[in-house]
Amino acid sequence: MAQYFEVHPTHPQPRLVKRAVEIVRAGGIVAYPTDSGYALGCHIGDKQAMERIRRIRRVDEKHNFTLVCRDLSEIATYAIVSNADYRLLKAHTPGPYTFILPATREVPRRLQNPRRKTIGLRVPGHVIAQALLVELNEPLMSSTLILPEDAAPLSDPPQIRERLEHEVDLIIDGGPCSLQPTTVVELHDGTARVVRIGQGDPAPFGG
């Protein structure tokens, strides 16, 4: 049965944040709040946890995970970022956007798009998510918490507990989030293409 932490949305308790990161490092799956909706997260190198998330979401091996990063410097470790791309990223992070960029060699092959060798990355503008990332000191491998029978991401922590308490290891209750996933933008040398419209305004990217 999942642990359930009530974490303050603007002043996360360090003790709970540290315990949450310990659960992630031990192979656990955490449901956590972001600035778009709740997400499922696990350790970046944990293949078994990744497969568990796939089973919860009922998605196949073609499903693309996102690396949730704390800042732009962390993005540059995992993605090839041109000067033009960097300017766009700097102007729109943190925020409710996922950016698809060419992956570096630091990214495990199973996380890359197998055909295009790209990776989705984002920097969330949510205090709890940022606190987790700072304590973890590396990205969270994540997927939007939307279940196969639902049309929108789960955003109410008690409901998440009711439906997933036997599927995940920790639920972080940071209050309700948006019902929309991120806006997804593909970047290539300063050229942007909106792949999915969500919480983030697509207008700056021509969407």
N, C-alpha and C. Protein backbone atom coordinates (compact mmCIF):
# COMPACT_ATOMS: atom_id res chain seq x y z
N MET A 1 0.84 -1.20 0.00
CA MET A 1 0.00 0.00 0.00
C MET A 1 0.88 1.25 0.00
N ALA A 2 0.49 2.24 -0.77
CA ALA A 2 1.29 3.45 -0.93
C ALA A 2 1.33 4.28 0.35
N GLN A 3 2.49 4.88 0.60
CA GLN A 3 2.57 5.91 1.62
C GLN A 3 1.91 7.18 1.08
N TYR A 4 1.46 8.03 2.00
CA TYR A 4 0.73 9.24 1.60
C TYR A 4 1.26 10.41 2.41
N PHE A 5 1.95 11.34 1.71
CA PHE A 5 2.54 12.50 2.37
C PHE A 5 1.74 13.76 2.02
N GLU A 6 1.29 14.47 3.02
CA GLU A 6 0.68 15.78 2.80
C GLU A 6 1.79 16.82 2.88
N VAL A 7 2.15 17.35 1.71
CA VAL A 7 3.29 18.27 1.61
C VAL A 7 2.77 19.68 1.34
N HIS A 8 3.30 20.64 2.07
CA HIS A 8 2.85 22.02 1.91
C HIS A 8 3.17 22.51 0.51
N PRO A 9 2.21 23.12 -0.21
CA PRO A 9 2.42 23.48 -1.62
C PRO A 9 3.42 24.60 -1.86
N THR A 10 3.67 25.43 -0.85
CA THR A 10 4.64 26.52 -1.05
C THR A 10 5.86 26.40 -0.14
N HIS A 11 5.75 25.62 0.94
CA HIS A 11 6.88 25.43 1.85
C HIS A 11 7.01 23.93 2.18
N PRO A 12 7.48 23.14 1.20
CA PRO A 12 7.55 21.69 1.40
C PRO A 12 8.42 21.34 2.62
N GLN A 13 7.92 20.41 3.42
CA GLN A 13 8.67 19.98 4.60
C GLN A 13 9.91 19.19 4.18
N PRO A 14 11.11 19.67 4.54
CA PRO A 14 12.34 18.99 4.11
C PRO A 14 12.38 17.51 4.48
N ARG A 15 11.85 17.15 5.64
CA ARG A 15 11.87 15.76 6.07
C ARG A 15 11.08 14.87 5.11
N LEU A 16 9.91 15.37 4.66
CA LEU A 16 9.09 14.59 3.74
C LEU A 16 9.70 14.53 2.35
N VAL A 17 10.31 15.63 1.93
CA VAL A 17 10.98 15.65 0.63
C VAL A 17 12.13 14.65 0.61
N LYS A 18 12.91 14.64 1.68
CA LYS A 18 14.04 13.71 1.77
C LYS A 18 13.56 12.27 1.75
N ARG A 19 12.49 11.99 2.48
CA ARG A 19 11.94 10.63 2.52
C ARG A 19 11.41 10.22 1.14
N ALA A 20 10.77 11.15 0.44
CA ALA A 20 10.26 10.86 -0.91
C ALA A 20 11.39 10.48 -1.85
N VAL A 21 12.50 11.20 -1.77
CA VAL A 21 13.64 10.92 -2.63
C VAL A 21 14.25 9.57 -2.28
N GLU A 22 14.28 9.23 -1.00
CA GLU A 22 14.78 7.91 -0.60
C GLU A 22 13.93 6.80 -1.24
N ILE A 23 12.61 7.02 -1.29
CA ILE A 23 11.72 6.03 -1.90
C ILE A 23 12.02 5.89 -3.39
N VAL A 24 12.25 7.01 -4.07
CA VAL A 24 12.58 6.98 -5.50
C VAL A 24 13.89 6.24 -5.72
N ARG A 25 14.90 6.56 -4.92
CA ARG A 25 16.22 5.91 -5.09
C ARG A 25 16.17 4.42 -4.79
N ALA A 26 15.21 4.01 -3.97
CA ALA A 26 15.08 2.58 -3.63
C ALA A 26 14.25 1.82 -4.65
N GLY A 27 13.87 2.48 -5.75
CA GLY A 27 13.13 1.80 -6.81
C GLY A 27 11.64 2.05 -6.79
N GLY A 28 11.19 2.98 -5.96
CA GLY A 28 9.77 3.25 -5.84
C GLY A 28 9.23 4.17 -6.92
N ILE A 29 7.91 4.14 -7.06
CA ILE A 29 7.19 5.05 -7.98
C ILE A 29 6.43 6.06 -7.12
N VAL A 30 6.56 7.32 -7.48
CA VAL A 30 5.91 8.39 -6.74
C VAL A 30 4.93 9.13 -7.65
N ALA A 31 3.74 9.42 -7.12
CA ALA A 31 2.80 10.32 -7.80
C ALA A 31 3.01 11.69 -7.19
N TYR A 32 3.37 12.67 -8.02
CA TYR A 32 3.74 13.98 -7.48
C TYR A 32 3.14 15.11 -8.32
N PRO A 33 2.93 16.29 -7.70
CA PRO A 33 2.30 17.40 -8.41
C PRO A 33 3.29 18.18 -9.27
N THR A 34 2.80 18.69 -10.40
CA THR A 34 3.58 19.59 -11.24
C THR A 34 2.70 20.80 -11.58
N ASP A 35 3.23 21.68 -12.41
CA ASP A 35 2.46 22.87 -12.79
C ASP A 35 1.47 22.60 -13.92
N SER A 36 1.39 21.34 -14.37
CA SER A 36 0.36 21.00 -15.36
C SER A 36 -0.63 20.02 -14.73
N GLY A 37 -0.18 18.90 -14.29
CA GLY A 37 -1.03 17.92 -13.62
C GLY A 37 -0.15 17.04 -12.76
N TYR A 38 -0.71 16.03 -12.16
CA TYR A 38 0.12 15.09 -11.41
C TYR A 38 0.86 14.18 -12.39
N ALA A 39 2.01 13.70 -11.95
CA ALA A 39 2.84 12.82 -12.77
C ALA A 39 3.28 11.62 -11.96
N LEU A 40 3.66 10.57 -12.67
CA LEU A 40 4.29 9.41 -12.05
C LEU A 40 5.79 9.52 -12.31
N GLY A 41 6.58 9.38 -11.26
CA GLY A 41 8.02 9.52 -11.42
C GLY A 41 8.78 8.37 -10.80
N CYS A 42 9.98 8.09 -11.35
CA CYS A 42 10.85 7.06 -10.81
C CYS A 42 12.29 7.43 -11.13
N HIS A 43 13.22 6.63 -10.60
CA HIS A 43 14.64 6.88 -10.81
C HIS A 43 15.00 6.67 -12.28
N ILE A 44 15.88 7.51 -12.78
CA ILE A 44 16.19 7.53 -14.21
C ILE A 44 16.77 6.21 -14.72
N GLY A 45 17.46 5.47 -13.87
CA GLY A 45 18.09 4.24 -14.36
C GLY A 45 17.32 2.98 -14.02
N ASP A 46 16.10 3.10 -13.53
CA ASP A 46 15.37 1.95 -13.00
C ASP A 46 14.42 1.36 -14.04
N LYS A 47 14.88 0.33 -14.73
CA LYS A 47 14.07 -0.29 -15.77
C LYS A 47 12.80 -0.94 -15.21
N GLN A 48 12.91 -1.56 -14.04
CA GLN A 48 11.76 -2.23 -13.45
C GLN A 48 10.67 -1.23 -13.08
N ALA A 49 11.05 -0.09 -12.50
CA ALA A 49 10.07 0.94 -12.15
C ALA A 49 9.43 1.51 -13.40
N MET A 50 10.22 1.66 -14.45
CA MET A 50 9.72 2.16 -15.72
C MET A 50 8.64 1.22 -16.27
N GLU A 51 8.88 -0.09 -16.17
CA GLU A 51 7.89 -1.07 -16.65
C GLU A 51 6.62 -1.02 -15.80
N ARG A 52 6.77 -0.77 -14.50
CA ARG A 52 5.59 -0.64 -13.64
C ARG A 52 4.73 0.55 -14.06
N ILE A 53 5.38 1.65 -14.40
CA ILE A 53 4.63 2.83 -14.86
C ILE A 53 3.91 2.51 -16.17
N ARG A 54 4.57 1.78 -17.05
CA ARG A 54 3.92 1.38 -18.30
C ARG A 54 2.67 0.54 -18.03
N ARG A 55 2.77 -0.34 -17.05
CA ARG A 55 1.61 -1.18 -16.73
C ARG A 55 0.46 -0.35 -16.14
N ILE A 56 0.79 0.61 -15.29
CA ILE A 56 -0.23 1.48 -14.71
C ILE A 56 -0.93 2.28 -15.81
N ARG A 57 -0.15 2.82 -16.72
CA ARG A 57 -0.70 3.63 -17.81
C ARG A 57 -1.26 2.77 -18.95
N ARG A 58 -0.88 1.49 -18.97
CA ARG A 58 -1.24 0.56 -20.05
C ARG A 58 -0.77 1.10 -21.40
N VAL A 59 0.51 1.40 -21.44
CA VAL A 59 1.15 1.86 -22.68
C VAL A 59 2.25 0.86 -23.05
N ASP A 60 2.63 0.84 -24.32
CA ASP A 60 3.63 -0.12 -24.77
C ASP A 60 5.03 0.49 -24.73
N GLU A 61 5.98 -0.25 -25.27
CA GLU A 61 7.38 0.19 -25.22
C GLU A 61 7.65 1.42 -26.08
N LYS A 62 6.72 1.78 -26.93
CA LYS A 62 6.90 2.97 -27.77
C LYS A 62 6.55 4.26 -27.01
N HIS A 63 5.95 4.11 -25.83
CA HIS A 63 5.57 5.29 -25.05
C HIS A 63 6.82 6.06 -24.64
N ASN A 64 6.79 7.37 -24.86
CA ASN A 64 7.94 8.21 -24.53
C ASN A 64 7.81 8.78 -23.12
N PHE A 65 8.83 8.52 -22.32
CA PHE A 65 8.91 9.13 -21.00
C PHE A 65 9.56 10.51 -21.11
N THR A 66 9.38 11.31 -20.07
CA THR A 66 9.97 12.64 -20.01
C THR A 66 10.97 12.71 -18.87
N LEU A 67 12.10 13.36 -19.11
CA LEU A 67 13.03 13.64 -18.03
C LEU A 67 12.68 15.00 -17.44
N VAL A 68 12.25 15.00 -16.19
CA VAL A 68 11.87 16.24 -15.53
C VAL A 68 13.10 16.79 -14.81
N CYS A 69 13.56 17.96 -15.24
CA CYS A 69 14.83 18.53 -14.79
C CYS A 69 14.61 19.75 -13.91
N ARG A 70 15.60 20.06 -13.10
CA ARG A 70 15.44 21.21 -12.20
C ARG A 70 15.77 22.54 -12.87
N ASP A 71 16.65 22.51 -13.91
CA ASP A 71 17.03 23.77 -14.55
C ASP A 71 17.60 23.51 -15.94
N LEU A 72 17.97 24.59 -16.61
CA LEU A 72 18.49 24.48 -17.98
C LEU A 72 19.83 23.76 -18.04
N SER A 73 20.67 23.94 -17.03
CA SER A 73 21.97 23.28 -17.08
C SER A 73 21.81 21.76 -17.05
N GLU A 74 20.80 21.28 -16.34
CA GLU A 74 20.55 19.84 -16.31
C GLU A 74 20.03 19.36 -17.67
N ILE A 75 19.18 20.16 -18.31
CA ILE A 75 18.70 19.81 -19.65
C ILE A 75 19.87 19.61 -20.59
N ALA A 76 20.89 20.49 -20.50
CA ALA A 76 22.02 20.44 -21.43
C ALA A 76 22.85 19.16 -21.26
N THR A 77 22.72 18.49 -20.13
CA THR A 77 23.41 17.22 -19.94
C THR A 77 22.78 16.11 -20.77
N TYR A 78 21.48 16.21 -20.98
CA TYR A 78 20.73 15.12 -21.61
C TYR A 78 20.24 15.43 -23.02
N ALA A 79 20.36 16.69 -23.46
CA ALA A 79 19.89 17.06 -24.79
C ALA A 79 20.91 17.94 -25.49
N ILE A 80 20.95 17.82 -26.81
CA ILE A 80 21.80 18.69 -27.63
C ILE A 80 21.02 19.98 -27.87
N VAL A 81 21.53 21.08 -27.32
CA VAL A 81 20.81 22.36 -27.34
C VAL A 81 21.63 23.40 -28.10
N SER A 82 21.10 23.86 -29.23
CA SER A 82 21.77 24.92 -29.98
C SER A 82 21.56 26.25 -29.26
N ASN A 83 22.30 27.27 -29.68
CA ASN A 83 22.14 28.60 -29.07
C ASN A 83 20.72 29.12 -29.26
N ALA A 84 20.15 28.88 -30.43
CA ALA A 84 18.79 29.35 -30.70
C ALA A 84 17.78 28.60 -29.83
N ASP A 85 17.99 27.28 -29.67
CA ASP A 85 17.11 26.50 -28.80
C ASP A 85 17.22 26.97 -27.36
N TYR A 86 18.45 27.28 -26.94
CA TYR A 86 18.68 27.71 -25.55
C TYR A 86 17.89 28.98 -25.25
N ARG A 87 17.86 29.91 -26.19
CA ARG A 87 17.12 31.16 -25.97
C ARG A 87 15.64 30.88 -25.79
N LEU A 88 15.09 29.96 -26.58
CA LEU A 88 13.68 29.61 -26.43
C LEU A 88 13.42 28.91 -25.09
N LEU A 89 14.30 28.01 -24.72
CA LEU A 89 14.15 27.31 -23.45
C LEU A 89 14.23 28.27 -22.28
N LYS A 90 15.19 29.19 -22.33
CA LYS A 90 15.37 30.13 -21.24
C LYS A 90 14.15 31.01 -21.05
N ALA A 91 13.50 31.36 -22.16
CA ALA A 91 12.33 32.24 -22.10
C ALA A 91 11.08 31.53 -21.58
N HIS A 92 11.06 30.19 -21.62
CA HIS A 92 9.82 29.46 -21.30
C HIS A 92 9.99 28.38 -20.24
N THR A 93 11.10 28.46 -19.48
CA THR A 93 11.27 27.55 -18.35
C THR A 93 11.62 28.37 -17.11
N PRO A 94 11.15 27.94 -15.94
CA PRO A 94 10.25 26.79 -15.75
C PRO A 94 8.84 27.09 -16.25
N GLY A 95 8.10 26.05 -16.56
CA GLY A 95 6.75 26.23 -17.05
C GLY A 95 6.14 24.93 -17.51
N PRO A 96 4.86 24.96 -17.90
CA PRO A 96 4.13 23.73 -18.25
C PRO A 96 4.36 23.29 -19.70
N TYR A 97 5.63 23.15 -20.06
CA TYR A 97 6.00 22.73 -21.41
C TYR A 97 6.90 21.50 -21.34
N THR A 98 6.75 20.60 -22.31
CA THR A 98 7.71 19.53 -22.54
C THR A 98 8.38 19.80 -23.87
N PHE A 99 9.70 19.80 -23.87
CA PHE A 99 10.46 20.08 -25.10
C PHE A 99 11.12 18.81 -25.60
N ILE A 100 10.94 18.54 -26.89
CA ILE A 100 11.55 17.36 -27.52
C ILE A 100 12.82 17.83 -28.24
N LEU A 101 13.94 17.25 -27.85
CA LEU A 101 15.25 17.65 -28.37
C LEU A 101 16.09 16.41 -28.67
N PRO A 102 17.13 16.55 -29.52
CA PRO A 102 18.02 15.42 -29.76
C PRO A 102 18.71 14.99 -28.47
N ALA A 103 18.75 13.70 -28.22
CA ALA A 103 19.32 13.18 -26.98
C ALA A 103 20.84 13.10 -27.05
N THR A 104 21.50 13.32 -25.92
CA THR A 104 22.94 13.11 -25.82
C THR A 104 23.21 11.65 -25.45
N ARG A 105 24.48 11.29 -25.37
CA ARG A 105 24.85 9.92 -25.01
C ARG A 105 24.57 9.61 -23.54
N GLU A 106 24.26 10.65 -22.75
CA GLU A 106 23.94 10.43 -21.34
C GLU A 106 22.56 9.77 -21.17
N VAL A 107 21.74 9.82 -22.21
CA VAL A 107 20.38 9.30 -22.11
C VAL A 107 20.36 7.81 -22.46
N PRO A 108 19.87 6.96 -21.56
CA PRO A 108 19.76 5.54 -21.89
C PRO A 108 18.94 5.33 -23.17
N ARG A 109 19.36 4.39 -23.99
CA ARG A 109 18.71 4.18 -25.29
C ARG A 109 17.21 3.90 -25.14
N ARG A 110 16.83 3.21 -24.06
CA ARG A 110 15.42 2.86 -23.89
C ARG A 110 14.55 4.09 -23.61
N LEU A 111 15.17 5.22 -23.27
CA LEU A 111 14.40 6.45 -23.03
C LEU A 111 14.27 7.30 -24.28
N GLN A 112 15.06 7.00 -25.29
CA GLN A 112 15.04 7.79 -26.52
C GLN A 112 13.94 7.30 -27.47
N ASN A 113 13.46 8.23 -28.29
CA ASN A 113 12.62 7.82 -29.40
C ASN A 113 13.49 6.93 -30.29
N PRO A 114 13.10 5.67 -30.53
CA PRO A 114 14.00 4.73 -31.22
C PRO A 114 14.35 5.14 -32.64
N ARG A 115 13.47 5.87 -33.29
CA ARG A 115 13.72 6.24 -34.68
C ARG A 115 14.45 7.58 -34.78
N ARG A 116 14.04 8.54 -33.96
CA ARG A 116 14.56 9.89 -34.12
C ARG A 116 15.66 10.25 -33.12
N LYS A 117 15.89 9.38 -32.12
CA LYS A 117 16.93 9.60 -31.10
C LYS A 117 16.71 10.93 -30.36
N THR A 118 15.47 11.17 -30.01
CA THR A 118 15.12 12.39 -29.27
C THR A 118 14.67 12.02 -27.86
N ILE A 119 14.57 13.04 -27.02
CA ILE A 119 14.11 12.86 -25.64
C ILE A 119 13.24 14.06 -25.26
N GLY A 120 12.21 13.79 -24.48
CA GLY A 120 11.38 14.87 -23.96
C GLY A 120 11.89 15.33 -22.60
N LEU A 121 12.02 16.65 -22.44
CA LEU A 121 12.51 17.21 -21.19
C LEU A 121 11.63 18.37 -20.77
N ARG A 122 11.56 18.60 -19.45
CA ARG A 122 10.82 19.75 -18.96
C ARG A 122 11.39 20.23 -17.64
N VAL A 123 11.15 21.52 -17.36
CA VAL A 123 11.51 22.13 -16.07
C VAL A 123 10.23 22.65 -15.46
N PRO A 124 9.70 21.98 -14.45
CA PRO A 124 8.40 22.37 -13.89
C PRO A 124 8.49 23.62 -13.02
N GLY A 125 7.45 24.44 -13.08
CA GLY A 125 7.35 25.60 -12.22
C GLY A 125 6.49 25.30 -11.02
N HIS A 126 6.80 24.25 -10.29
CA HIS A 126 6.02 23.86 -9.12
C HIS A 126 6.98 23.65 -7.96
N VAL A 127 6.67 24.23 -6.82
CA VAL A 127 7.59 24.23 -5.68
C VAL A 127 7.92 22.82 -5.20
N ILE A 128 6.92 21.96 -5.10
CA ILE A 128 7.17 20.60 -4.61
C ILE A 128 8.02 19.81 -5.60
N ALA A 129 7.68 19.91 -6.89
CA ALA A 129 8.48 19.21 -7.90
C ALA A 129 9.93 19.68 -7.87
N GLN A 130 10.13 20.99 -7.73
CA GLN A 130 11.49 21.53 -7.68
C GLN A 130 12.23 21.05 -6.44
N ALA A 131 11.53 20.98 -5.31
CA ALA A 131 12.17 20.51 -4.08
C ALA A 131 12.63 19.05 -4.24
N LEU A 132 11.81 18.23 -4.87
CA LEU A 132 12.20 16.83 -5.12
C LEU A 132 13.44 16.75 -6.01
N LEU A 133 13.46 17.56 -7.05
CA LEU A 133 14.57 17.52 -8.01
C LEU A 133 15.87 18.01 -7.39
N VAL A 134 15.78 19.03 -6.55
CA VAL A 134 16.98 19.54 -5.87
C VAL A 134 17.55 18.48 -4.93
N GLU A 135 16.67 17.83 -4.17
CA GLU A 135 17.12 16.79 -3.23
C GLU A 135 17.66 15.57 -3.98
N LEU A 136 17.01 15.20 -5.09
CA LEU A 136 17.43 14.05 -5.88
C LEU A 136 18.74 14.31 -6.60
N ASN A 137 18.94 15.56 -7.04
CA ASN A 137 20.16 15.99 -7.73
C ASN A 137 20.34 15.31 -9.09
N GLU A 138 19.25 14.94 -9.70
CA GLU A 138 19.22 14.41 -11.07
C GLU A 138 17.76 14.41 -11.52
N PRO A 139 17.51 14.22 -12.81
CA PRO A 139 16.12 14.26 -13.28
C PRO A 139 15.28 13.10 -12.76
N LEU A 140 13.98 13.33 -12.73
CA LEU A 140 13.01 12.27 -12.48
C LEU A 140 12.51 11.76 -13.83
N MET A 141 12.54 10.47 -14.03
CA MET A 141 11.93 9.89 -15.22
C MET A 141 10.43 9.86 -14.98
N SER A 142 9.66 10.53 -15.83
CA SER A 142 8.26 10.77 -15.51
C SER A 142 7.32 10.52 -16.69
N SER A 143 6.05 10.36 -16.31
CA SER A 143 4.96 10.21 -17.27
C SER A 143 3.72 10.86 -16.67
N THR A 144 2.94 11.54 -17.49
CA THR A 144 1.71 12.17 -17.01
C THR A 144 0.80 11.13 -16.35
N LEU A 145 0.18 11.51 -15.22
CA LEU A 145 -0.67 10.56 -14.52
C LEU A 145 -2.07 10.61 -15.12
N ILE A 146 -2.18 9.98 -16.26
CA ILE A 146 -3.49 9.83 -16.91
C ILE A 146 -3.72 8.34 -17.13
N LEU A 147 -4.80 7.84 -16.58
CA LEU A 147 -5.09 6.41 -16.68
C LEU A 147 -5.84 6.09 -17.97
N PRO A 148 -5.75 4.87 -18.47
CA PRO A 148 -6.27 4.53 -19.80
C PRO A 148 -7.76 4.79 -19.96
N GLU A 149 -8.52 4.70 -18.87
CA GLU A 149 -9.97 4.91 -18.99
C GLU A 149 -10.38 6.36 -18.82
N ASP A 150 -9.39 7.25 -18.61
CA ASP A 150 -9.68 8.67 -18.35
C ASP A 150 -9.33 9.55 -19.54
N ALA A 151 -10.02 10.69 -19.64
CA ALA A 151 -9.74 11.64 -20.72
C ALA A 151 -8.78 12.73 -20.28
N ALA A 152 -8.56 12.88 -18.98
CA ALA A 152 -7.70 13.94 -18.46
C ALA A 152 -6.83 13.38 -17.34
N PRO A 153 -5.70 14.05 -17.04
CA PRO A 153 -4.85 13.59 -15.95
C PRO A 153 -5.58 13.66 -14.60
N LEU A 154 -5.20 12.78 -13.69
CA LEU A 154 -5.72 12.86 -12.33
C LEU A 154 -5.12 14.09 -11.64
N SER A 155 -5.94 14.81 -10.89
CA SER A 155 -5.45 16.04 -10.26
C SER A 155 -5.84 16.16 -8.79
N ASP A 156 -6.64 15.22 -8.29
CA ASP A 156 -7.10 15.28 -6.91
C ASP A 156 -6.41 14.17 -6.11
N PRO A 157 -5.55 14.53 -5.13
CA PRO A 157 -4.77 13.53 -4.41
C PRO A 157 -5.60 12.42 -3.75
N PRO A 158 -6.71 12.73 -3.05
CA PRO A 158 -7.49 11.63 -2.48
C PRO A 158 -8.00 10.65 -3.54
N GLN A 159 -8.36 11.16 -4.72
CA GLN A 159 -8.79 10.28 -5.79
C GLN A 159 -7.62 9.43 -6.30
N ILE A 160 -6.45 10.03 -6.39
CA ILE A 160 -5.26 9.28 -6.79
C ILE A 160 -5.01 8.14 -5.79
N ARG A 161 -5.17 8.46 -4.51
CA ARG A 161 -4.98 7.44 -3.48
C ARG A 161 -5.98 6.31 -3.63
N GLU A 162 -7.22 6.67 -3.89
CA GLU A 162 -8.28 5.67 -4.02
C GLU A 162 -8.01 4.72 -5.18
N ARG A 163 -7.46 5.26 -6.27
CA ARG A 163 -7.30 4.45 -7.48
C ARG A 163 -5.93 3.79 -7.61
N LEU A 164 -4.92 4.34 -6.93
CA LEU A 164 -3.56 3.84 -7.17
C LEU A 164 -2.81 3.43 -5.91
N GLU A 165 -3.49 3.33 -4.78
CA GLU A 165 -2.74 3.07 -3.55
C GLU A 165 -2.07 1.70 -3.55
N HIS A 166 -2.49 0.79 -4.41
CA HIS A 166 -1.84 -0.52 -4.49
C HIS A 166 -0.92 -0.63 -5.71
N GLU A 167 -0.77 0.48 -6.44
CA GLU A 167 0.02 0.46 -7.67
C GLU A 167 1.33 1.26 -7.54
N VAL A 168 1.34 2.27 -6.68
CA VAL A 168 2.53 3.12 -6.52
C VAL A 168 3.04 2.99 -5.09
N ASP A 169 4.21 3.56 -4.83
CA ASP A 169 4.82 3.46 -3.51
C ASP A 169 4.60 4.70 -2.65
N LEU A 170 4.35 5.84 -3.30
CA LEU A 170 4.16 7.08 -2.57
C LEU A 170 3.24 8.01 -3.36
N ILE A 171 2.31 8.63 -2.66
CA ILE A 171 1.48 9.69 -3.23
C ILE A 171 1.78 10.96 -2.45
N ILE A 172 2.19 12.00 -3.16
CA ILE A 172 2.45 13.30 -2.53
C ILE A 172 1.23 14.18 -2.74
N ASP A 173 0.58 14.51 -1.66
CA ASP A 173 -0.58 15.40 -1.70
C ASP A 173 -0.09 16.82 -1.56
N GLY A 174 -0.03 17.52 -2.71
CA GLY A 174 0.35 18.93 -2.72
C GLY A 174 -0.81 19.81 -3.10
N GLY A 175 -2.03 19.26 -2.95
CA GLY A 175 -3.21 20.00 -3.37
C GLY A 175 -3.55 19.70 -4.81
N PRO A 176 -4.70 20.18 -5.27
CA PRO A 176 -5.12 19.92 -6.65
C PRO A 176 -4.23 20.62 -7.67
N CYS A 177 -4.12 20.01 -8.85
CA CYS A 177 -3.34 20.58 -9.95
C CYS A 177 -4.27 20.81 -11.15
N SER A 178 -3.67 21.29 -12.22
CA SER A 178 -4.40 21.49 -13.47
C SER A 178 -4.90 20.15 -14.01
N LEU A 179 -5.96 20.22 -14.81
CA LEU A 179 -6.48 19.02 -15.47
C LEU A 179 -5.85 18.81 -16.84
N GLN A 180 -4.92 19.68 -17.21
CA GLN A 180 -4.30 19.57 -18.53
C GLN A 180 -2.86 19.08 -18.42
N PRO A 181 -2.41 18.29 -19.39
CA PRO A 181 -0.98 17.94 -19.44
C PRO A 181 -0.18 19.11 -19.99
N THR A 182 1.11 18.92 -20.15
CA THR A 182 1.95 19.98 -20.70
C THR A 182 1.67 20.20 -22.19
N THR A 183 2.05 21.38 -22.65
CA THR A 183 2.13 21.62 -24.09
C THR A 183 3.48 21.05 -24.56
N VAL A 184 3.46 20.27 -25.63
CA VAL A 184 4.68 19.62 -26.11
C VAL A 184 5.19 20.36 -27.35
N VAL A 185 6.47 20.73 -27.31
CA VAL A 185 7.09 21.50 -28.39
C VAL A 185 8.36 20.81 -28.85
N GLU A 186 8.46 20.55 -30.13
CA GLU A 186 9.67 19.98 -30.70
C GLU A 186 10.58 21.12 -31.15
N LEU A 187 11.83 21.10 -30.70
CA LEU A 187 12.79 22.15 -31.06
C LEU A 187 13.91 21.59 -31.92
N HIS A 188 14.27 22.36 -32.93
CA HIS A 188 15.43 21.99 -33.76
C HIS A 188 16.09 23.26 -34.27
N ASP A 189 17.22 23.60 -33.62
CA ASP A 189 18.02 24.76 -34.02
C ASP A 189 17.19 26.03 -34.13
N GLY A 190 16.36 26.28 -33.13
CA GLY A 190 15.57 27.51 -33.08
C GLY A 190 14.22 27.43 -33.77
N THR A 191 13.98 26.33 -34.47
CA THR A 191 12.68 26.13 -35.11
C THR A 191 11.79 25.31 -34.18
N ALA A 192 10.58 25.80 -33.93
CA ALA A 192 9.68 25.13 -33.00
C ALA A 192 8.46 24.58 -33.72
N ARG A 193 8.02 23.41 -33.27
CA ARG A 193 6.79 22.82 -33.81
C ARG A 193 5.97 22.31 -32.63
N VAL A 194 4.74 22.80 -32.51
CA VAL A 194 3.87 22.37 -31.43
C VAL A 194 3.29 21.00 -31.75
N VAL A 195 3.58 20.03 -30.89
CA VAL A 195 3.13 18.65 -31.09
C VAL A 195 1.80 18.41 -30.38
N ARG A 196 1.62 19.03 -29.22
CA ARG A 196 0.40 18.88 -28.43
C ARG A 196 0.12 20.17 -27.67
N ILE A 197 -1.11 20.62 -27.72
CA ILE A 197 -1.49 21.81 -26.97
C ILE A 197 -2.05 21.39 -25.62
N GLY A 198 -1.49 21.96 -24.56
CA GLY A 198 -1.93 21.64 -23.21
C GLY A 198 -1.98 22.89 -22.35
N GLN A 199 -1.41 22.77 -21.14
CA GLN A 199 -1.48 23.86 -20.19
C GLN A 199 -0.69 25.10 -20.63
N GLY A 200 0.46 24.90 -21.26
CA GLY A 200 1.30 26.03 -21.69
C GLY A 200 0.75 26.70 -22.94
N ASP A 201 0.88 28.02 -22.99
CA ASP A 201 0.42 28.79 -24.16
C ASP A 201 1.24 28.43 -25.38
N PRO A 202 0.62 27.93 -26.46
CA PRO A 202 1.39 27.53 -27.63
C PRO A 202 1.77 28.70 -28.54
N ALA A 203 1.20 29.86 -28.30
CA ALA A 203 1.38 31.00 -29.19
C ALA A 203 2.86 31.37 -29.44
N PRO A 204 3.72 31.37 -28.43
CA PRO A 204 5.11 31.74 -28.70
C PRO A 204 5.84 30.80 -29.65
N PHE A 205 5.26 29.63 -29.87
CA PHE A 205 5.89 28.63 -30.72
C PHE A 205 5.13 28.44 -32.04
N GLY A 206 4.23 29.36 -32.31
CA GLY A 206 3.48 29.31 -33.55
C GLY A 206 2.29 28.39 -33.52
N GLY A 207 1.89 27.93 -32.32
CA GLY A 207 0.77 27.01 -32.20
C GLY A 207 -0.56 27.72 -32.05
